[in-house]
Amino acid sequence: MSEPKCWGQRLSVFDLTLVHERGRWKVTGKSATTVNSNTVEEDPELVILVKEQHDAVVAYVNKEVATSTEEMSAAESCWKDTAILDYVHQVQTAKVREAVAGTENASLPVVSIAAPFSRAATFPAGKVTIRDIAGLYIYDNTLLASILTGSQIKAYLEYSARYFKQVDPGAPVDPASWTNANNRPDYNYDQFSGVTYDVDIAKPEGSRITGLAYDGTPVADDQKFVVAVNNYRQSGGGGFPHIATAPVVYNAQVAIREAIVEYASAAGTIDPATFHVENWKLVRNGTPVF
């Protein structure tokens, strides 16, 4: 078995040497190497064979789904609350709120979890295509909703805040150098929408989340929330506390990327003024970094 790299960028080549002894094959030597798929010319016969499917995919990803009123970038999503990541929250929240309407959980606040998958993701001003949305949400995750309490959300956020190195309050502002502490990847920096909070990176791990509130009121430890979350995180991916054992109240196997496409297509316009809320920020000893 081999997993050389994503998106067909690499190919694994195995060489096995076998001999036939006494009616059985025996492996006497083995080696493997990885090669780059962009270092060879395309096989013209294979190009012809897959042309129809390839052209269909290209046409699909270039399909316009909505018009954005302004350019949105994920370049700073790892240290700022950005509009483009809030769009993921918007879609997840709307889908889950619709799903729990009329159920016993309909009166609970709905909040959302999302992480910056790609700092290169952008929505251009003007035409937004499926390619742009796929560049923002690069994984085939599905959407779920679980119940978490206020204390559990606080613990979850403290775990997420380990993504940052502890930074001296007077150090120069260089956020790109503060991230990925202990090699934690960007996709393991989860952010919440629907609640407000600060992440104090001058504090040690475990005591960084301050001012956690909902609708202007401090979140109580036993307060319950419906939390929109992807299946990777809900199944325990990343080791975040509580979420894998939390009661699941929605799981319709809806692909989040497809939900974003559907939501954008139905609205026709992506306007940050209608959904972007800066509900969290980085601080150092209580003083905002930005």
C-alpha atoms as a PDB file:
ATOM      1  CA  MET A   1       0.000   0.000   0.000  1.00  0.00           C
ATOM      2  CA  SER A   2       1.219   3.485  -0.779  1.00  0.00           C
ATOM      3  CA  GLU A   3      -0.011   7.032  -0.253  1.00  0.00           C
ATOM      4  CA  PRO A   4       2.602   9.057  -2.153  1.00  0.00           C
ATOM      5  CA  LYS A   5       0.790  12.427  -2.177  1.00  0.00           C
ATOM      6  CA  CYS A   6      -2.542  14.084  -2.854  1.00  0.00           C
ATOM      7  CA  TRP A   7      -4.125  14.866  -6.241  1.00  0.00           C
ATOM      8  CA  GLY A   8      -1.923  12.525  -8.255  1.00  0.00           C
ATOM      9  CA  GLN A   9       1.183  14.672  -7.835  1.00  0.00           C
ATOM     10  CA  ARG A  10       3.379  11.654  -7.059  1.00  0.00           C
ATOM     11  CA  LEU A  11       3.554   8.007  -8.091  1.00  0.00           C
ATOM     12  CA  SER A  12       5.002   5.156  -6.062  1.00  0.00           C
ATOM     13  CA  VAL A  13       6.994   2.502  -7.929  1.00  0.00           C
ATOM     14  CA  PHE A  14       7.636  -0.820  -6.213  1.00  0.00           C
ATOM     15  CA  ASP A  15      10.214  -3.356  -7.378  1.00  0.00           C
ATOM     16  CA  LEU A  16       9.996  -6.875  -5.969  1.00  0.00           C
ATOM     17  CA  THR A  17      12.454  -9.645  -6.799  1.00  0.00           C
ATOM     18  CA  LEU A  18      11.063 -13.148  -6.539  1.00  0.00           C
ATOM     19  CA  VAL A  19      12.470 -16.635  -6.980  1.00  0.00           C
ATOM     20  CA  HIS A  20      10.587 -19.900  -7.399  1.00  0.00           C
ATOM     21  CA  GLU A  21      11.780 -22.528  -4.950  1.00  0.00           C
ATOM     22  CA  ARG A  22      10.186 -25.890  -4.252  1.00  0.00           C
ATOM     23  CA  GLY A  23       6.900 -24.874  -5.836  1.00  0.00           C
ATOM     24  CA  ARG A  24       6.596 -21.551  -4.009  1.00  0.00           C
ATOM     25  CA  TRP A  25       7.481 -17.938  -4.750  1.00  0.00           C
ATOM     26  CA  LYS A  26       9.811 -16.203  -2.336  1.00  0.00           C
ATOM     27  CA  VAL A  27      10.611 -12.473  -2.121  1.00  0.00           C
ATOM     28  CA  THR A  28      14.375 -12.031  -2.172  1.00  0.00           C
ATOM     29  CA  GLY A  29      14.583  -8.298  -2.710  1.00  0.00           C
ATOM     30  CA  LYS A  30      12.411  -5.209  -2.504  1.00  0.00           C
ATOM     31  CA  SER A  31      12.718  -1.489  -3.099  1.00  0.00           C
ATOM     32  CA  ALA A  32      10.462   1.477  -3.748  1.00  0.00           C
ATOM     33  CA  THR A  33      10.796   4.995  -5.045  1.00  0.00           C
ATOM     34  CA  THR A  34       8.528   7.990  -5.511  1.00  0.00           C
ATOM     35  CA  VAL A  35       8.459   9.937  -8.767  1.00  0.00           C
ATOM     36  CA  ASN A  36       6.872  13.251  -9.707  1.00  0.00           C
ATOM     37  CA  SER A  37       4.006  12.932 -12.163  1.00  0.00           C
ATOM     38  CA  ASN A  38       4.832  16.308 -13.760  1.00  0.00           C
ATOM     39  CA  THR A  39       8.264  15.184 -14.946  1.00  0.00           C
ATOM     40  CA  VAL A  40       6.971  13.011 -17.783  1.00  0.00           C
ATOM     41  CA  GLU A  41       5.037  13.670 -20.955  1.00  0.00           C
ATOM     42  CA  GLU A  42       1.368  12.774 -21.063  1.00  0.00           C
ATOM     43  CA  ASP A  43       0.583   9.462 -22.707  1.00  0.00           C
ATOM     44  CA  PRO A  44      -1.452  10.521 -25.771  1.00  0.00           C
ATOM     45  CA  GLU A  45      -3.487   7.312 -25.746  1.00  0.00           C
ATOM     46  CA  LEU A  46      -4.484   7.880 -22.118  1.00  0.00           C
ATOM     47  CA  VAL A  47      -5.291  11.549 -22.822  1.00  0.00           C
ATOM     48  CA  ILE A  48      -7.718  10.460 -25.544  1.00  0.00           C
ATOM     49  CA  LEU A  49      -9.193   7.801 -23.290  1.00  0.00           C
ATOM     50  CA  VAL A  50     -10.106  10.213 -20.447  1.00  0.00           C
ATOM     51  CA  LYS A  51     -10.709  13.375 -22.517  1.00  0.00           C
ATOM     52  CA  GLU A  52     -14.496  13.291 -22.198  1.00  0.00           C
ATOM     53  CA  GLN A  53     -14.405  12.929 -18.427  1.00  0.00           C
ATOM     54  CA  HIS A  54     -11.586  15.458 -18.075  1.00  0.00           C
ATOM     55  CA  ASP A  55     -13.427  18.087 -20.117  1.00  0.00           C
ATOM     56  CA  ALA A  56     -16.582  17.490 -18.076  1.00  0.00           C
ATOM     57  CA  VAL A  57     -14.699  18.096 -14.821  1.00  0.00           C
ATOM     58  CA  VAL A  58     -13.047  21.275 -16.132  1.00  0.00           C
ATOM     59  CA  ALA A  59     -16.408  22.613 -17.286  1.00  0.00           C
ATOM     60  CA  TYR A  60     -17.945  21.772 -13.918  1.00  0.00           C
ATOM     61  CA  VAL A  61     -15.317  23.462 -11.742  1.00  0.00           C
ATOM     62  CA  ASN A  62     -15.416  26.600 -13.917  1.00  0.00           C
ATOM     63  CA  LYS A  63     -19.181  26.909 -13.507  1.00  0.00           C
ATOM     64  CA  GLU A  64     -20.244  30.223 -11.985  1.00  0.00           C
ATOM     65  CA  VAL A  65     -22.340  29.836  -8.839  1.00  0.00           C
ATOM     66  CA  ALA A  66     -22.595  33.374  -7.460  1.00  0.00           C
ATOM     67  CA  THR A  67     -21.263  36.919  -7.608  1.00  0.00           C
ATOM     68  CA  SER A  68     -19.170  38.296  -4.762  1.00  0.00           C
ATOM     69  CA  THR A  69     -19.480  41.979  -3.903  1.00  0.00           C
ATOM     70  CA  GLU A  70     -15.792  42.112  -2.970  1.00  0.00           C
ATOM     71  CA  GLU A  71     -12.637  40.041  -2.906  1.00  0.00           C
ATOM     72  CA  MET A  72     -12.277  37.776   0.114  1.00  0.00           C
ATOM     73  CA  SER A  73      -9.059  36.048   1.124  1.00  0.00           C
ATOM     74  CA  ALA A  74      -8.112  33.364   3.645  1.00  0.00           C
ATOM     75  CA  ALA A  75      -4.509  34.590   3.839  1.00  0.00           C
ATOM     76  CA  GLU A  76      -4.977  35.898   7.401  1.00  0.00           C
ATOM     77  CA  SER A  77      -7.588  33.388   8.560  1.00  0.00           C
ATOM     78  CA  CYS A  78      -5.113  31.738  10.919  1.00  0.00           C
ATOM     79  CA  TRP A  79      -4.913  34.826  13.129  1.00  0.00           C
ATOM     80  CA  LYS A  80      -7.933  36.966  12.179  1.00  0.00           C
ATOM     81  CA  ASP A  81     -11.668  36.422  11.893  1.00  0.00           C
ATOM     82  CA  THR A  82     -12.096  36.643   8.110  1.00  0.00           C
ATOM     83  CA  ALA A  83     -15.177  36.966   5.927  1.00  0.00           C
ATOM     84  CA  ILE A  84     -14.320  33.993   3.737  1.00  0.00           C
ATOM     85  CA  LEU A  85     -14.233  31.585   6.680  1.00  0.00           C
ATOM     86  CA  ASP A  86     -17.379  33.176   8.071  1.00  0.00           C
ATOM     87  CA  TYR A  87     -19.084  32.126   4.851  1.00  0.00           C
ATOM     88  CA  VAL A  88     -18.451  28.495   5.783  1.00  0.00           C
ATOM     89  CA  HIS A  89     -19.953  29.240   9.198  1.00  0.00           C
ATOM     90  CA  GLN A  90     -22.930  30.913   7.561  1.00  0.00           C
ATOM     91  CA  VAL A  91     -23.726  27.881   5.430  1.00  0.00           C
ATOM     92  CA  GLN A  92     -23.201  25.368   8.224  1.00  0.00           C
ATOM     93  CA  THR A  93     -25.296  27.375  10.677  1.00  0.00           C
ATOM     94  CA  ALA A  94     -28.150  27.858   8.212  1.00  0.00           C
ATOM     95  CA  LYS A  95     -28.201  24.154   7.322  1.00  0.00           C
ATOM     96  CA  VAL A  96     -28.198  22.984  10.931  1.00  0.00           C
ATOM     97  CA  ARG A  97     -30.733  25.586  12.086  1.00  0.00           C
ATOM     98  CA  GLU A  98     -33.070  24.404   9.348  1.00  0.00           C
ATOM     99  CA  ALA A  99     -32.512  20.774  10.338  1.00  0.00           C
ATOM    100  CA  VAL A 100     -33.296  21.224  14.045  1.00  0.00           C
ATOM    101  CA  ALA A 101     -36.341  23.436  13.483  1.00  0.00           C
ATOM    102  CA  GLY A 102     -39.370  21.787  14.996  1.00  0.00           C
ATOM    103  CA  THR A 103     -37.307  19.392  17.109  1.00  0.00           C
ATOM    104  CA  GLU A 104     -36.674  19.371  20.835  1.00  0.00           C
ATOM    105  CA  ASN A 105     -33.431  21.268  20.198  1.00  0.00           C
ATOM    106  CA  ALA A 106     -35.003  24.079  18.185  1.00  0.00           C
ATOM    107  CA  SER A 107     -34.734  26.555  21.066  1.00  0.00           C
ATOM    108  CA  LEU A 108     -31.003  26.011  21.592  1.00  0.00           C
ATOM    109  CA  PRO A 109     -28.456  28.462  20.132  1.00  0.00           C
ATOM    110  CA  VAL A 110     -26.749  27.180  16.978  1.00  0.00           C
ATOM    111  CA  VAL A 111     -23.003  27.789  16.706  1.00  0.00           C
ATOM    112  CA  SER A 112     -20.496  26.587  14.139  1.00  0.00           C
ATOM    113  CA  ILE A 113     -16.945  25.222  14.003  1.00  0.00           C
ATOM    114  CA  ALA A 114     -14.650  25.759  11.013  1.00  0.00           C
ATOM    115  CA  ALA A 115     -10.916  25.818  10.380  1.00  0.00           C
ATOM    116  CA  PRO A 116      -8.679  27.486   7.788  1.00  0.00           C
ATOM    117  CA  PHE A 117      -7.869  24.693   5.356  1.00  0.00           C
ATOM    118  CA  SER A 118      -5.921  26.800   2.850  1.00  0.00           C
ATOM    119  CA  ARG A 119      -4.333  30.214   3.276  1.00  0.00           C
ATOM    120  CA  ALA A 120      -4.336  30.506  -0.528  1.00  0.00           C
ATOM    121  CA  ALA A 121      -8.139  30.358  -0.782  1.00  0.00           C
ATOM    122  CA  THR A 122      -9.851  33.401  -2.285  1.00  0.00           C
ATOM    123  CA  PHE A 123     -13.211  34.503  -3.611  1.00  0.00           C
ATOM    124  CA  PRO A 124     -12.607  37.132  -6.302  1.00  0.00           C
ATOM    125  CA  ALA A 125     -14.747  40.219  -6.605  1.00  0.00           C
ATOM    126  CA  GLY A 126     -17.303  39.264  -9.228  1.00  0.00           C
ATOM    127  CA  LYS A 127     -17.768  35.727 -10.530  1.00  0.00           C
ATOM    128  CA  VAL A 128     -17.267  32.943  -7.978  1.00  0.00           C
ATOM    129  CA  THR A 129     -16.934  29.454  -9.409  1.00  0.00           C
ATOM    130  CA  ILE A 130     -17.100  25.945  -8.026  1.00  0.00           C
ATOM    131  CA  ARG A 131     -13.309  25.933  -8.360  1.00  0.00           C
ATOM    132  CA  ASP A 132     -13.111  28.861  -5.913  1.00  0.00           C
ATOM    133  CA  ILE A 133     -15.378  27.113  -3.416  1.00  0.00           C
ATOM    134  CA  ALA A 134     -13.418  23.870  -3.746  1.00  0.00           C
ATOM    135  CA  GLY A 135     -10.250  25.856  -3.080  1.00  0.00           C
ATOM    136  CA  LEU A 136     -11.772  27.114   0.164  1.00  0.00           C
ATOM    137  CA  TYR A 137     -13.239  23.795   1.316  1.00  0.00           C
ATOM    138  CA  ILE A 138     -10.745  21.271   0.022  1.00  0.00           C
ATOM    139  CA  TYR A 139     -11.955  18.202   1.925  1.00  0.00           C
ATOM    140  CA  ASP A 140     -14.923  15.904   1.297  1.00  0.00           C
ATOM    141  CA  ASN A 141     -16.298  16.386   4.794  1.00  0.00           C
ATOM    142  CA  THR A 142     -19.953  16.019   5.653  1.00  0.00           C
ATOM    143  CA  LEU A 143     -21.943  18.149   8.091  1.00  0.00           C
ATOM    144  CA  LEU A 144     -23.164  17.026  11.498  1.00  0.00           C
ATOM    145  CA  ALA A 145     -24.530  18.760  14.577  1.00  0.00           C
ATOM    146  CA  SER A 146     -23.878  17.807  18.176  1.00  0.00           C
ATOM    147  CA  ILE A 147     -24.784  19.152  21.603  1.00  0.00           C
ATOM    148  CA  LEU A 148     -22.028  20.761  23.669  1.00  0.00           C
ATOM    149  CA  THR A 149     -22.234  22.647  26.939  1.00  0.00           C
ATOM    150  CA  GLY A 150     -20.599  25.980  27.657  1.00  0.00           C
ATOM    151  CA  SER A 151     -17.809  24.387  29.677  1.00  0.00           C
ATOM    152  CA  GLN A 152     -17.161  21.900  26.888  1.00  0.00           C
ATOM    153  CA  ILE A 153     -16.945  24.674  24.298  1.00  0.00           C
ATOM    154  CA  LYS A 154     -14.476  26.505  26.550  1.00  0.00           C
ATOM    155  CA  ALA A 155     -12.316  23.369  26.832  1.00  0.00           C
ATOM    156  CA  TYR A 156     -12.573  22.832  23.080  1.00  0.00           C
ATOM    157  CA  LEU A 157     -11.391  26.374  22.386  1.00  0.00           C
ATOM    158  CA  GLU A 158      -8.528  26.069  24.865  1.00  0.00           C
ATOM    159  CA  TYR A 159      -7.378  22.965  23.017  1.00  0.00           C
ATOM    160  CA  SER A 160      -7.646  24.776  19.685  1.00  0.00           C
ATOM    161  CA  ALA A 161      -5.641  27.733  21.050  1.00  0.00           C
ATOM    162  CA  ARG A 162      -2.627  25.445  21.501  1.00  0.00           C
ATOM    163  CA  TYR A 163      -2.106  26.230  17.822  1.00  0.00           C
ATOM    164  CA  PHE A 164      -0.367  29.446  18.923  1.00  0.00           C
ATOM    165  CA  LYS A 165       3.015  29.816  20.532  1.00  0.00           C
ATOM    166  CA  GLN A 166       3.094  31.800  23.763  1.00  0.00           C
ATOM    167  CA  VAL A 167       4.055  35.341  22.755  1.00  0.00           C
ATOM    168  CA  ASP A 168       5.558  38.108  24.870  1.00  0.00           C
ATOM    169  CA  PRO A 169       3.124  41.034  25.215  1.00  0.00           C
ATOM    170  CA  GLY A 170       5.709  43.464  23.857  1.00  0.00           C
ATOM    171  CA  ALA A 171       7.060  41.363  20.993  1.00  0.00           C
ATOM    172  CA  PRO A 172       6.801  42.752  17.452  1.00  0.00           C
ATOM    173  CA  VAL A 173       3.570  41.856  15.695  1.00  0.00           C
ATOM    174  CA  ASP A 174       4.495  38.922  13.471  1.00  0.00           C
ATOM    175  CA  PRO A 175       1.467  36.602  13.488  1.00  0.00           C
ATOM    176  CA  ALA A 176       2.770  34.211  10.839  1.00  0.00           C
ATOM    177  CA  SER A 177       5.587  33.273  13.239  1.00  0.00           C
ATOM    178  CA  TRP A 178       3.171  32.619  16.108  1.00  0.00           C
ATOM    179  CA  THR A 179       1.154  29.846  14.492  1.00  0.00           C
ATOM    180  CA  ASN A 180       1.589  26.060  14.144  1.00  0.00           C
ATOM    181  CA  ALA A 181       3.025  25.556  17.620  1.00  0.00           C
ATOM    182  CA  ASN A 182       4.275  21.997  18.082  1.00  0.00           C
ATOM    183  CA  ASN A 183       3.684  21.423  14.352  1.00  0.00           C
ATOM    184  CA  ARG A 184      -0.095  21.715  14.651  1.00  0.00           C
ATOM    185  CA  PRO A 185      -1.461  22.169  11.109  1.00  0.00           C
ATOM    186  CA  ASP A 186      -3.753  25.021  10.116  1.00  0.00           C
ATOM    187  CA  TYR A 187      -6.689  22.654   9.758  1.00  0.00           C
ATOM    188  CA  ASN A 188      -6.446  21.955  13.487  1.00  0.00           C
ATOM    189  CA  TYR A 189      -7.050  25.574  14.429  1.00  0.00           C
ATOM    190  CA  ASP A 190     -10.815  25.480  14.910  1.00  0.00           C
ATOM    191  CA  GLN A 191     -12.739  28.721  15.209  1.00  0.00           C
ATOM    192  CA  PHE A 192     -16.289  29.193  16.499  1.00  0.00           C
ATOM    193  CA  SER A 193     -18.973  31.490  15.192  1.00  0.00           C
ATOM    194  CA  GLY A 194     -22.088  32.374  17.180  1.00  0.00           C
ATOM    195  CA  VAL A 195     -20.186  33.093  20.388  1.00  0.00           C
ATOM    196  CA  THR A 196     -17.692  35.860  21.147  1.00  0.00           C
ATOM    197  CA  TYR A 197     -14.308  35.273  22.755  1.00  0.00           C
ATOM    198  CA  ASP A 198     -10.688  36.396  22.888  1.00  0.00           C
ATOM    199  CA  VAL A 199      -7.590  34.227  22.479  1.00  0.00           C
ATOM    200  CA  ASP A 200      -4.852  35.567  24.780  1.00  0.00           C
ATOM    201  CA  ILE A 201      -1.604  34.271  23.311  1.00  0.00           C
ATOM    202  CA  ALA A 202       0.457  35.889  26.058  1.00  0.00           C
ATOM    203  CA  LYS A 203      -1.010  33.328  28.434  1.00  0.00           C
ATOM    204  CA  PRO A 204       0.114  29.701  28.755  1.00  0.00           C
ATOM    205  CA  GLU A 205      -1.808  26.852  27.170  1.00  0.00           C
ATOM    206  CA  GLY A 206      -5.038  26.079  28.981  1.00  0.00           C
ATOM    207  CA  SER A 207      -5.793  29.626  30.093  1.00  0.00           C
ATOM    208  CA  ARG A 208      -6.054  31.562  26.859  1.00  0.00           C
ATOM    209  CA  ILE A 209      -9.805  31.833  26.215  1.00  0.00           C
ATOM    210  CA  THR A 210     -11.379  34.874  27.847  1.00  0.00           C
ATOM    211  CA  GLY A 211     -14.704  36.657  27.598  1.00  0.00           C
ATOM    212  CA  LEU A 212     -16.632  33.693  26.178  1.00  0.00           C
ATOM    213  CA  ALA A 213     -20.168  34.999  25.680  1.00  0.00           C
ATOM    214  CA  TYR A 214     -23.359  34.406  23.743  1.00  0.00           C
ATOM    215  CA  ASP A 215     -25.551  37.337  22.707  1.00  0.00           C
ATOM    216  CA  GLY A 216     -23.624  39.622  25.059  1.00  0.00           C
ATOM    217  CA  THR A 217     -24.029  37.376  28.109  1.00  0.00           C
ATOM    218  CA  PRO A 218     -21.234  35.216  29.571  1.00  0.00           C
ATOM    219  CA  VAL A 219     -21.674  31.574  28.620  1.00  0.00           C
ATOM    220  CA  ALA A 220     -22.727  29.420  31.572  1.00  0.00           C
ATOM    221  CA  ASP A 221     -20.940  26.128  32.118  1.00  0.00           C
ATOM    222  CA  ASP A 222     -24.162  24.131  31.786  1.00  0.00           C
ATOM    223  CA  GLN A 223     -25.629  26.140  28.894  1.00  0.00           C
ATOM    224  CA  LYS A 224     -26.365  23.906  25.895  1.00  0.00           C
ATOM    225  CA  PHE A 225     -25.571  24.659  22.269  1.00  0.00           C
ATOM    226  CA  VAL A 226     -26.198  22.924  18.972  1.00  0.00           C
ATOM    227  CA  VAL A 227     -22.792  22.844  17.294  1.00  0.00           C
ATOM    228  CA  ALA A 228     -22.344  22.495  13.519  1.00  0.00           C
ATOM    229  CA  VAL A 229     -19.230  20.408  12.925  1.00  0.00           C
ATOM    230  CA  ASN A 230     -17.681  18.310  10.172  1.00  0.00           C
ATOM    231  CA  ASN A 231     -17.543  14.526  10.301  1.00  0.00           C
ATOM    232  CA  TYR A 232     -13.741  14.410  10.582  1.00  0.00           C
ATOM    233  CA  ARG A 233     -13.768  16.425  13.776  1.00  0.00           C
ATOM    234  CA  GLN A 234     -16.860  14.697  15.168  1.00  0.00           C
ATOM    235  CA  SER A 235     -15.231  11.291  14.658  1.00  0.00           C
ATOM    236  CA  GLY A 236     -12.254  12.352  16.781  1.00  0.00           C
ATOM    237  CA  GLY A 237      -9.917  13.753  14.132  1.00  0.00           C
ATOM    238  CA  GLY A 238      -7.423  16.103  15.750  1.00  0.00           C
ATOM    239  CA  GLY A 239      -8.122  14.842  19.267  1.00  0.00           C
ATOM    240  CA  PHE A 240     -10.359  17.757  20.276  1.00  0.00           C
ATOM    241  CA  PRO A 241     -12.135  17.200  23.608  1.00  0.00           C
ATOM    242  CA  HIS A 242     -15.802  16.258  24.053  1.00  0.00           C
ATOM    243  CA  ILE A 243     -16.939  16.452  20.427  1.00  0.00           C
ATOM    244  CA  ALA A 244     -16.541  12.751  19.579  1.00  0.00           C
ATOM    245  CA  THR A 245     -18.713  11.692  22.540  1.00  0.00           C
ATOM    246  CA  ALA A 246     -21.274  14.497  22.294  1.00  0.00           C
ATOM    247  CA  PRO A 247     -24.867  13.580  21.344  1.00  0.00           C
ATOM    248  CA  VAL A 248     -25.397  13.866  17.568  1.00  0.00           C
ATOM    249  CA  VAL A 249     -28.664  15.582  16.602  1.00  0.00           C
ATOM    250  CA  TYR A 250     -28.128  15.920  12.851  1.00  0.00           C
ATOM    251  CA  ASN A 251     -26.304  13.733  10.351  1.00  0.00           C
ATOM    252  CA  ALA A 252     -27.843  13.713   6.868  1.00  0.00           C
ATOM    253  CA  GLN A 253     -24.530  12.976   5.103  1.00  0.00           C
ATOM    254  CA  VAL A 254     -24.593  16.373   3.406  1.00  0.00           C
ATOM    255  CA  ALA A 255     -21.211  17.246   1.882  1.00  0.00           C
ATOM    256  CA  ILE A 256     -20.185  20.664   3.201  1.00  0.00           C
ATOM    257  CA  ARG A 257     -18.591  21.742  -0.082  1.00  0.00           C
ATOM    258  CA  GLU A 258     -21.779  20.900  -1.952  1.00  0.00           C
ATOM    259  CA  ALA A 259     -23.828  22.706   0.695  1.00  0.00           C
ATOM    260  CA  ILE A 260     -21.734  25.840   0.120  1.00  0.00           C
ATOM    261  CA  VAL A 261     -22.262  25.574  -3.644  1.00  0.00           C
ATOM    262  CA  GLU A 262     -26.004  25.088  -3.178  1.00  0.00           C
ATOM    263  CA  TYR A 263     -26.284  27.981  -0.721  1.00  0.00           C
ATOM    264  CA  ALA A 264     -24.289  30.354  -2.940  1.00  0.00           C
ATOM    265  CA  SER A 265     -26.261  29.357  -6.035  1.00  0.00           C
ATOM    266  CA  ALA A 266     -29.579  29.928  -4.305  1.00  0.00           C
ATOM    267  CA  ALA A 267     -28.541  33.363  -3.001  1.00  0.00           C
ATOM    268  CA  GLY A 268     -26.808  34.451  -6.202  1.00  0.00           C
ATOM    269  CA  THR A 269     -24.755  37.018  -4.300  1.00  0.00           C
ATOM    270  CA  ILE A 270     -22.039  36.694  -1.666  1.00  0.00           C
ATOM    271  CA  ASP A 271     -21.979  39.899   0.371  1.00  0.00           C
ATOM    272  CA  PRO A 272     -19.779  39.918   3.513  1.00  0.00           C
ATOM    273  CA  ALA A 273     -21.868  42.746   4.945  1.00  0.00           C
ATOM    274  CA  THR A 274     -24.690  40.248   5.466  1.00  0.00           C
ATOM    275  CA  PHE A 275     -22.733  37.570   7.352  1.00  0.00           C
ATOM    276  CA  HIS A 276     -19.245  38.647   8.426  1.00  0.00           C
ATOM    277  CA  VAL A 277     -19.075  39.178  12.189  1.00  0.00           C
ATOM    278  CA  GLU A 278     -15.720  39.542  13.942  1.00  0.00           C
ATOM    279  CA  ASN A 279     -16.653  37.476  16.972  1.00  0.00           C
ATOM    280  CA  TRP A 280     -13.141  36.449  18.049  1.00  0.00           C
ATOM    281  CA  LYS A 281      -9.735  38.132  18.161  1.00  0.00           C
ATOM    282  CA  LEU A 282      -6.163  37.614  19.309  1.00  0.00           C
ATOM    283  CA  VAL A 283      -5.068  39.571  22.369  1.00  0.00           C
ATOM    284  CA  ARG A 284      -1.971  39.796  24.533  1.00  0.00           C
ATOM    285  CA  ASN A 285      -2.707  40.355  28.215  1.00  0.00           C
ATOM    286  CA  GLY A 286      -6.101  41.607  27.128  1.00  0.00           C
ATOM    287  CA  THR A 287      -4.810  44.086  24.531  1.00  0.00           C
ATOM    288  CA  PRO A 288      -5.918  43.328  20.944  1.00  0.00           C
ATOM    289  CA  VAL A 289      -3.068  42.377  18.628  1.00  0.00           C
ATOM    290  CA  PHE A 290      -4.680  44.109  15.646  1.00  0.00           C
END
